[in-house]
N, C-alpha and C. Protein backbone atom coordinates (compact mmCIF):
# COMPACT_ATOMS: atom_id res chain seq x y z
N MET A 1 1.14 17.07 1.60
CA MET A 1 1.48 17.51 3.13
C MET A 1 2.98 18.05 2.78
N THR A 2 3.04 19.06 3.42
CA THR A 2 4.30 19.94 3.38
C THR A 2 5.30 19.41 4.30
N ALA A 3 6.53 19.67 4.25
CA ALA A 3 7.55 19.27 5.19
C ALA A 3 7.38 19.68 6.57
N VAL A 4 6.96 20.94 6.59
CA VAL A 4 6.57 21.46 7.93
C VAL A 4 5.51 20.66 8.58
N GLN A 5 4.36 20.63 7.85
CA GLN A 5 3.27 19.73 8.41
C GLN A 5 3.93 18.24 8.87
N LEU A 6 4.56 17.70 7.93
CA LEU A 6 4.93 16.14 8.19
C LEU A 6 5.90 16.38 9.56
N ASN A 7 6.74 17.32 9.67
CA ASN A 7 7.72 17.29 10.84
C ASN A 7 6.72 17.57 11.98
N ALA A 8 5.80 18.34 12.03
CA ALA A 8 4.76 18.64 13.16
C ALA A 8 4.15 17.23 13.43
N MET A 9 3.76 16.65 12.51
CA MET A 9 3.05 15.35 12.90
C MET A 9 3.90 14.45 13.54
N ASN A 10 5.10 14.24 13.03
CA ASN A 10 6.14 13.30 13.37
C ASN A 10 6.44 13.63 14.91
N ALA A 11 6.47 14.93 15.16
CA ALA A 11 6.90 15.28 16.57
C ALA A 11 5.76 15.17 17.62
N GLU A 12 4.45 15.14 16.78
CA GLU A 12 3.26 14.88 17.71
C GLU A 12 3.13 13.40 18.03
N LEU A 13 3.50 12.41 17.12
CA LEU A 13 3.38 11.04 17.09
C LEU A 13 4.64 10.50 18.05
N PHE A 14 5.72 11.19 17.92
CA PHE A 14 6.78 10.67 18.99
C PHE A 14 6.60 11.16 20.44
N GLY A 15 5.92 12.43 20.35
CA GLY A 15 5.65 12.90 21.76
C GLY A 15 4.55 12.12 22.38
N ALA A 16 3.76 11.63 21.52
CA ALA A 16 2.62 10.62 22.24
C ALA A 16 3.26 9.31 22.44
N LEU A 17 4.12 8.63 21.85
CA LEU A 17 4.80 7.58 21.99
C LEU A 17 5.69 7.70 23.51
N GLN A 18 6.39 8.89 23.41
CA GLN A 18 7.31 9.07 24.67
C GLN A 18 6.35 9.13 25.77
N THR A 19 4.99 9.60 25.76
CA THR A 19 4.11 9.67 26.90
C THR A 19 3.77 8.30 27.43
N ILE A 20 3.49 7.45 26.56
CA ILE A 20 3.16 5.92 26.96
C ILE A 20 4.25 5.02 27.14
N SER A 21 5.59 5.57 26.82
CA SER A 21 6.37 4.52 26.61
C SER A 21 6.89 3.75 28.11
N SER A 22 6.55 4.43 29.08
CA SER A 22 6.57 3.86 30.30
C SER A 22 5.80 2.81 30.72
N ASP A 23 4.65 2.47 29.99
CA ASP A 23 3.70 1.56 30.29
C ASP A 23 3.65 0.61 29.24
N GLU A 24 4.11 -0.70 29.48
CA GLU A 24 4.14 -1.70 28.65
C GLU A 24 3.01 -1.91 27.88
N SER A 25 1.92 -2.09 28.65
CA SER A 25 0.47 -2.52 28.05
C SER A 25 0.00 -1.29 26.99
N LEU A 26 0.29 -0.08 27.33
CA LEU A 26 -0.15 0.84 26.26
C LEU A 26 0.59 0.84 25.14
N MET A 27 2.22 0.53 25.23
CA MET A 27 3.02 0.43 24.04
C MET A 27 2.56 -0.73 23.32
N LYS A 28 2.02 -2.01 23.83
CA LYS A 28 1.60 -3.03 23.11
C LYS A 28 0.42 -2.72 22.16
N LYS A 29 -0.50 -1.94 23.04
CA LYS A 29 -1.77 -1.57 22.27
C LYS A 29 -1.38 -0.57 21.17
N ALA A 30 -0.36 0.41 21.38
CA ALA A 30 0.01 1.20 20.45
C ALA A 30 0.55 0.51 18.97
N VAL A 31 1.39 -0.40 19.27
CA VAL A 31 2.10 -1.09 18.28
C VAL A 31 1.01 -1.86 17.51
N ARG A 32 -0.07 -2.53 18.10
CA ARG A 32 -1.07 -3.44 17.27
C ARG A 32 -1.92 -2.37 16.56
N ALA A 33 -2.11 -0.99 17.16
CA ALA A 33 -3.04 -0.23 16.37
C ALA A 33 -2.41 0.30 15.11
N LEU A 34 -0.82 0.47 15.29
CA LEU A 34 -0.22 1.15 14.18
C LEU A 34 -0.13 0.00 13.08
N LYS A 35 0.14 -1.27 13.52
CA LYS A 35 0.15 -2.31 12.56
C LYS A 35 -1.19 -2.54 11.86
N ARG A 36 -2.32 -2.28 12.49
CA ARG A 36 -3.60 -2.34 11.76
C ARG A 36 -3.86 -1.36 10.93
N ILE A 37 -3.10 -0.14 11.38
CA ILE A 37 -3.56 1.22 10.35
C ILE A 37 -2.53 0.74 9.09
N ALA A 38 -1.28 0.40 9.16
CA ALA A 38 -0.43 0.12 8.39
C ALA A 38 -0.92 -0.89 7.29
N SER A 39 -1.57 -1.88 7.96
CA SER A 39 -2.21 -3.01 6.88
C SER A 39 -3.18 -2.37 6.05
N GLN A 40 -4.07 -1.48 6.65
CA GLN A 40 -5.12 -0.98 5.88
C GLN A 40 -4.76 -0.15 4.66
N SER A 41 -3.63 0.55 5.10
CA SER A 41 -3.01 1.37 4.04
C SER A 41 -2.43 0.61 2.74
N THR A 42 -1.82 -0.34 3.11
CA THR A 42 -1.39 -1.42 2.30
C THR A 42 -2.32 -2.14 1.35
N LYS A 43 -3.30 -2.38 1.85
CA LYS A 43 -4.36 -3.05 1.29
C LYS A 43 -5.07 -2.08 0.20
N ALA A 44 -5.45 -0.86 0.79
CA ALA A 44 -5.83 0.10 -0.12
C ALA A 44 -5.14 0.39 -1.22
N GLU A 45 -3.74 0.37 -1.28
CA GLU A 45 -2.96 0.71 -2.43
C GLU A 45 -2.87 -0.61 -3.29
N ASN A 46 -3.04 -1.87 -2.96
CA ASN A 46 -2.99 -2.93 -3.64
C ASN A 46 -4.28 -3.49 -4.18
N THR A 47 -5.27 -2.74 -3.94
CA THR A 47 -6.54 -3.07 -4.54
C THR A 47 -6.95 -2.32 -5.81
N MET A 48 -7.85 -2.81 -6.58
CA MET A 48 -8.52 -2.28 -7.77
C MET A 48 -9.87 -2.88 -7.93
N SER A 49 -10.65 -1.80 -8.50
CA SER A 49 -12.30 -1.98 -8.48
C SER A 49 -12.31 -3.20 -9.64
N MET A 50 -13.49 -3.86 -9.50
CA MET A 50 -13.62 -4.87 -10.74
C MET A 50 -13.86 -4.08 -12.08
N ALA A 51 -14.22 -2.94 -12.06
CA ALA A 51 -14.27 -2.23 -13.37
C ALA A 51 -13.05 -2.10 -13.98
N GLU A 52 -11.97 -1.67 -13.19
CA GLU A 52 -10.55 -1.50 -13.44
C GLU A 52 -10.16 -2.79 -14.26
N LEU A 53 -10.34 -3.87 -13.46
CA LEU A 53 -9.86 -4.99 -13.66
C LEU A 53 -10.49 -5.69 -15.01
N GLU A 54 -11.62 -5.47 -15.24
CA GLU A 54 -12.47 -5.78 -16.49
C GLU A 54 -11.89 -4.98 -17.49
N GLU A 55 -11.51 -3.57 -17.32
CA GLU A 55 -10.86 -2.93 -18.49
C GLU A 55 -9.53 -3.52 -18.84
N ILE A 56 -8.93 -3.82 -17.95
CA ILE A 56 -7.45 -4.34 -18.31
C ILE A 56 -7.66 -5.68 -19.11
N VAL A 57 -8.68 -6.58 -18.69
CA VAL A 57 -8.93 -7.71 -19.37
C VAL A 57 -9.45 -7.24 -20.95
N ARG A 58 -10.22 -6.37 -21.03
CA ARG A 58 -10.86 -6.05 -22.41
C ARG A 58 -9.65 -5.45 -23.14
N GLN A 59 -8.80 -4.76 -22.68
CA GLN A 59 -7.73 -4.06 -23.45
C GLN A 59 -6.80 -5.35 -23.83
N GLY A 60 -6.58 -6.22 -23.01
CA GLY A 60 -5.66 -7.41 -23.42
C GLY A 60 -6.32 -8.10 -24.42
N GLU A 61 -7.59 -8.52 -24.39
CA GLU A 61 -8.14 -9.31 -25.29
C GLU A 61 -8.26 -8.32 -26.80
N LYS A 62 -8.31 -7.16 -26.67
CA LYS A 62 -8.35 -6.28 -27.94
C LYS A 62 -7.05 -6.48 -28.65
N GLU A 63 -5.97 -6.24 -27.77
CA GLU A 63 -4.55 -6.42 -28.35
C GLU A 63 -4.46 -7.74 -28.93
N ILE A 64 -4.70 -8.85 -28.27
CA ILE A 64 -4.62 -10.06 -28.93
C ILE A 64 -5.22 -10.39 -30.11
N ALA A 65 -6.54 -9.75 -30.13
CA ALA A 65 -7.40 -9.86 -31.43
C ALA A 65 -6.75 -9.22 -32.60
N GLU A 66 -6.08 -7.96 -32.10
CA GLU A 66 -5.37 -7.35 -33.30
C GLU A 66 -3.94 -7.79 -33.62
N GLY A 67 -3.51 -8.72 -32.86
CA GLY A 67 -2.12 -9.45 -33.17
C GLY A 67 -1.05 -8.69 -32.58
N ASN A 68 -1.41 -8.01 -31.48
CA ASN A 68 -0.40 -7.11 -30.97
C ASN A 68 0.07 -7.80 -29.70
N LEU A 69 0.42 -9.04 -29.90
CA LEU A 69 0.92 -10.10 -28.84
C LEU A 69 2.50 -10.40 -28.93
N GLN A 70 3.18 -9.96 -28.14
CA GLN A 70 4.61 -10.39 -28.32
C GLN A 70 4.85 -11.23 -27.01
N PRO A 71 5.27 -12.60 -27.45
CA PRO A 71 5.60 -13.69 -26.59
C PRO A 71 6.68 -13.26 -25.73
N ILE A 72 6.87 -13.79 -24.50
CA ILE A 72 7.91 -13.43 -23.51
C ILE A 72 8.35 -14.82 -23.11
N ALA A 73 9.55 -15.03 -23.16
CA ALA A 73 10.31 -16.20 -22.92
C ALA A 73 9.88 -16.44 -21.23
N ILE A 74 9.72 -17.76 -20.95
CA ILE A 74 9.26 -17.99 -19.40
C ILE A 74 10.44 -17.47 -18.43
N GLU A 75 11.63 -17.70 -18.80
CA GLU A 75 12.84 -17.34 -18.02
C GLU A 75 12.74 -15.85 -17.94
N ASN A 76 12.17 -15.08 -18.87
CA ASN A 76 12.33 -13.55 -18.53
C ASN A 76 11.30 -13.04 -18.10
N LEU A 77 10.26 -13.93 -17.66
CA LEU A 77 9.06 -13.27 -17.11
C LEU A 77 9.32 -12.79 -15.78
N TRP A 78 10.24 -13.17 -15.05
CA TRP A 78 10.42 -12.68 -13.59
C TRP A 78 11.59 -11.68 -13.44
N LYS A 79 12.05 -11.42 -14.83
CA LYS A 79 13.15 -10.07 -14.63
C LYS A 79 12.63 -8.86 -14.54
């Protein structure tokens, strides 16, 4: 999406919000809808297919079998 398109969509979104801003009930519905949309976007980004997960496990098992395992100290795990 280009910057011009993004600016146009932002203007459209804020225009719609301005239109309903005087009605508390509509604003609550809009907030709920936007939260639902945002959570769907986040879920889609954080999911992977079973095939992708199985491939990661297969690669890991292959590396372990080949001896390509480098231990990590537990205190360095979260760095």
